[in-house]
Amino acid sequence: MTKIIRIKRQNRGNKIRVNITVDKDTEWAIKHLARLEKVPVATKAGEMLRDALELQEDLVLAEI
């Protein structure tokens, strides 16, 4: 289960820092995908979160 613990705005442009807690399988998957794409884990997690939000938006719009 994933829980958002804290969201904190920092002076780094449009980005915010989000701390999350994930199970070991999810951690492994994010780290593995980040390694394959040669990007930081935080970057990959952010990309995955954006993708999930877009999918959620598509589902909501499909119901209209």
N, C-alpha and C. Protein backbone atom coordinates (compact mmCIF):
# COMPACT_ATOMS: atom_id res chain seq x y z
N MET A 1 0.84 -1.18 0.00
CA MET A 1 0.00 0.00 0.00
C MET A 1 0.89 1.24 0.00
N THR A 2 0.53 2.22 -0.82
CA THR A 2 1.30 3.45 -0.92
C THR A 2 0.59 4.55 -0.16
N LYS A 3 1.35 5.29 0.64
CA LYS A 3 0.78 6.39 1.40
C LYS A 3 1.59 7.64 1.14
N ILE A 4 0.91 8.74 0.85
CA ILE A 4 1.61 10.01 0.74
C ILE A 4 1.75 10.55 2.15
N ILE A 5 2.97 10.81 2.56
CA ILE A 5 3.24 11.25 3.92
C ILE A 5 3.29 12.76 4.02
N ARG A 6 4.00 13.41 3.11
CA ARG A 6 4.21 14.84 3.25
C ARG A 6 4.48 15.45 1.88
N ILE A 7 3.91 16.60 1.63
CA ILE A 7 4.19 17.35 0.41
C ILE A 7 4.76 18.70 0.85
N LYS A 8 5.90 19.05 0.30
CA LYS A 8 6.58 20.26 0.73
C LYS A 8 7.08 21.03 -0.49
N ARG A 9 6.69 22.28 -0.61
CA ARG A 9 7.15 23.11 -1.72
C ARG A 9 8.52 23.66 -1.38
N GLN A 10 9.43 23.55 -2.33
CA GLN A 10 10.77 24.10 -2.17
C GLN A 10 11.04 25.08 -3.29
N ASN A 11 12.00 25.91 -3.13
CA ASN A 11 12.33 26.91 -4.14
C ASN A 11 13.16 26.29 -5.26
N ARG A 12 12.54 25.40 -6.01
CA ARG A 12 13.22 24.74 -7.13
C ARG A 12 12.30 24.74 -8.34
N GLY A 13 11.85 25.90 -8.73
CA GLY A 13 10.99 25.98 -9.89
C GLY A 13 9.58 25.49 -9.57
N ASN A 14 9.05 24.66 -10.46
CA ASN A 14 7.69 24.18 -10.31
C ASN A 14 7.58 22.86 -9.56
N LYS A 15 8.69 22.34 -9.08
CA LYS A 15 8.67 21.03 -8.45
C LYS A 15 8.38 21.12 -6.96
N ILE A 16 7.75 20.07 -6.44
CA ILE A 16 7.55 19.92 -5.01
C ILE A 16 8.17 18.60 -4.60
N ARG A 17 8.48 18.47 -3.33
CA ARG A 17 9.03 17.22 -2.81
C ARG A 17 7.88 16.43 -2.20
N VAL A 18 7.77 15.16 -2.57
CA VAL A 18 6.74 14.27 -2.05
C VAL A 18 7.43 13.06 -1.46
N ASN A 19 7.20 12.79 -0.20
CA ASN A 19 7.73 11.58 0.43
C ASN A 19 6.63 10.54 0.46
N ILE A 20 6.93 9.32 -0.02
CA ILE A 20 5.94 8.26 -0.03
C ILE A 20 6.53 7.00 0.61
N THR A 21 5.66 6.15 1.06
CA THR A 21 6.05 4.85 1.59
C THR A 21 5.46 3.79 0.67
N VAL A 22 6.32 2.89 0.17
CA VAL A 22 5.86 1.82 -0.72
C VAL A 22 6.36 0.48 -0.21
N ASP A 23 5.72 -0.58 -0.66
CA ASP A 23 6.17 -1.91 -0.27
C ASP A 23 7.44 -2.26 -1.05
N LYS A 24 8.09 -3.34 -0.65
CA LYS A 24 9.39 -3.70 -1.24
C LYS A 24 9.27 -4.04 -2.73
N ASP A 25 8.16 -4.66 -3.14
CA ASP A 25 7.98 -4.98 -4.56
C ASP A 25 7.88 -3.73 -5.41
N THR A 26 7.15 -2.73 -4.92
CA THR A 26 7.01 -1.48 -5.65
C THR A 26 8.34 -0.74 -5.70
N GLU A 27 9.05 -0.75 -4.60
CA GLU A 27 10.38 -0.12 -4.57
C GLU A 27 11.30 -0.77 -5.60
N TRP A 28 11.29 -2.10 -5.64
CA TRP A 28 12.14 -2.82 -6.58
C TRP A 28 11.77 -2.45 -8.01
N ALA A 29 10.47 -2.41 -8.31
CA ALA A 29 10.02 -2.12 -9.67
C ALA A 29 10.44 -0.72 -10.11
N ILE A 30 10.26 0.27 -9.23
CA ILE A 30 10.63 1.64 -9.60
C ILE A 30 12.14 1.75 -9.80
N LYS A 31 12.91 1.16 -8.88
CA LYS A 31 14.37 1.21 -9.01
C LYS A 31 14.84 0.50 -10.28
N HIS A 32 14.24 -0.64 -10.59
CA HIS A 32 14.61 -1.41 -11.77
C HIS A 32 14.33 -0.61 -13.04
N LEU A 33 13.14 -0.03 -13.14
CA LEU A 33 12.79 0.76 -14.31
C LEU A 33 13.69 2.00 -14.45
N ALA A 34 14.00 2.63 -13.32
CA ALA A 34 14.88 3.81 -13.34
C ALA A 34 16.27 3.41 -13.84
N ARG A 35 16.77 2.27 -13.36
CA ARG A 35 18.08 1.80 -13.80
C ARG A 35 18.09 1.51 -15.30
N LEU A 36 17.02 0.87 -15.80
CA LEU A 36 16.94 0.55 -17.23
C LEU A 36 16.96 1.82 -18.08
N GLU A 37 16.28 2.87 -17.59
CA GLU A 37 16.20 4.11 -18.35
C GLU A 37 17.32 5.10 -18.00
N LYS A 38 18.16 4.69 -17.05
CA LYS A 38 19.29 5.52 -16.62
C LYS A 38 18.84 6.90 -16.16
N VAL A 39 17.80 6.90 -15.31
CA VAL A 39 17.29 8.15 -14.72
C VAL A 39 17.23 7.96 -13.21
N PRO A 40 17.21 9.06 -12.45
CA PRO A 40 17.06 8.93 -10.99
C PRO A 40 15.72 8.30 -10.62
N VAL A 41 15.71 7.62 -9.50
CA VAL A 41 14.48 6.98 -9.02
C VAL A 41 13.36 8.01 -8.85
N ALA A 42 13.68 9.18 -8.32
CA ALA A 42 12.67 10.22 -8.13
C ALA A 42 12.08 10.67 -9.47
N THR A 43 12.91 10.74 -10.49
CA THR A 43 12.43 11.12 -11.81
C THR A 43 11.46 10.08 -12.35
N LYS A 44 11.83 8.80 -12.21
CA LYS A 44 10.97 7.73 -12.70
C LYS A 44 9.66 7.68 -11.93
N ALA A 45 9.73 7.85 -10.61
CA ALA A 45 8.52 7.84 -9.80
C ALA A 45 7.61 9.00 -10.20
N GLY A 46 8.18 10.17 -10.46
CA GLY A 46 7.40 11.32 -10.90
C GLY A 46 6.73 11.07 -12.24
N GLU A 47 7.45 10.46 -13.17
CA GLU A 47 6.89 10.13 -14.48
C GLU A 47 5.72 9.16 -14.32
N MET A 48 5.91 8.16 -13.48
CA MET A 48 4.87 7.15 -13.27
C MET A 48 3.63 7.77 -12.61
N LEU A 49 3.85 8.68 -11.69
CA LEU A 49 2.73 9.36 -11.04
C LEU A 49 1.97 10.21 -12.05
N ARG A 50 2.68 10.94 -12.91
CA ARG A 50 2.02 11.74 -13.96
C ARG A 50 1.21 10.84 -14.89
N ASP A 51 1.79 9.70 -15.29
CA ASP A 51 1.08 8.77 -16.16
C ASP A 51 -0.20 8.26 -15.50
N ALA A 52 -0.10 7.93 -14.22
CA ALA A 52 -1.28 7.44 -13.49
C ALA A 52 -2.35 8.52 -13.41
N LEU A 53 -1.96 9.75 -13.19
CA LEU A 53 -2.93 10.85 -13.13
C LEU A 53 -3.60 11.07 -14.49
N GLU A 54 -2.84 10.96 -15.57
CA GLU A 54 -3.42 11.11 -16.90
C GLU A 54 -4.41 10.00 -17.18
N LEU A 55 -4.08 8.77 -16.80
CA LEU A 55 -5.01 7.66 -16.98
C LEU A 55 -6.29 7.86 -16.18
N GLN A 56 -6.15 8.34 -14.96
CA GLN A 56 -7.31 8.60 -14.11
C GLN A 56 -8.18 9.67 -14.75
N GLU A 57 -7.55 10.72 -15.27
CA GLU A 57 -8.29 11.79 -15.93
C GLU A 57 -9.05 11.26 -17.15
N ASP A 58 -8.38 10.40 -17.93
CA ASP A 58 -9.03 9.80 -19.10
C ASP A 58 -10.26 8.98 -18.71
N LEU A 59 -10.16 8.24 -17.61
CA LEU A 59 -11.29 7.44 -17.15
C LEU A 59 -12.46 8.33 -16.74
N VAL A 60 -12.16 9.42 -16.05
CA VAL A 60 -13.21 10.34 -15.63
C VAL A 60 -13.87 10.99 -16.83
N LEU A 61 -13.05 11.43 -17.80
CA LEU A 61 -13.60 12.08 -18.98
C LEU A 61 -14.41 11.10 -19.84
N ALA A 62 -14.05 9.84 -19.84
CA ALA A 62 -14.78 8.83 -20.61
C ALA A 62 -16.19 8.61 -20.06
N GLU A 63 -16.38 8.90 -18.77
CA GLU A 63 -17.68 8.73 -18.15
C GLU A 63 -18.64 9.88 -18.48
N ILE A 64 -18.10 10.99 -18.96
CA ILE A 64 -18.94 12.16 -19.26
C ILE A 64 -19.66 11.99 -20.57
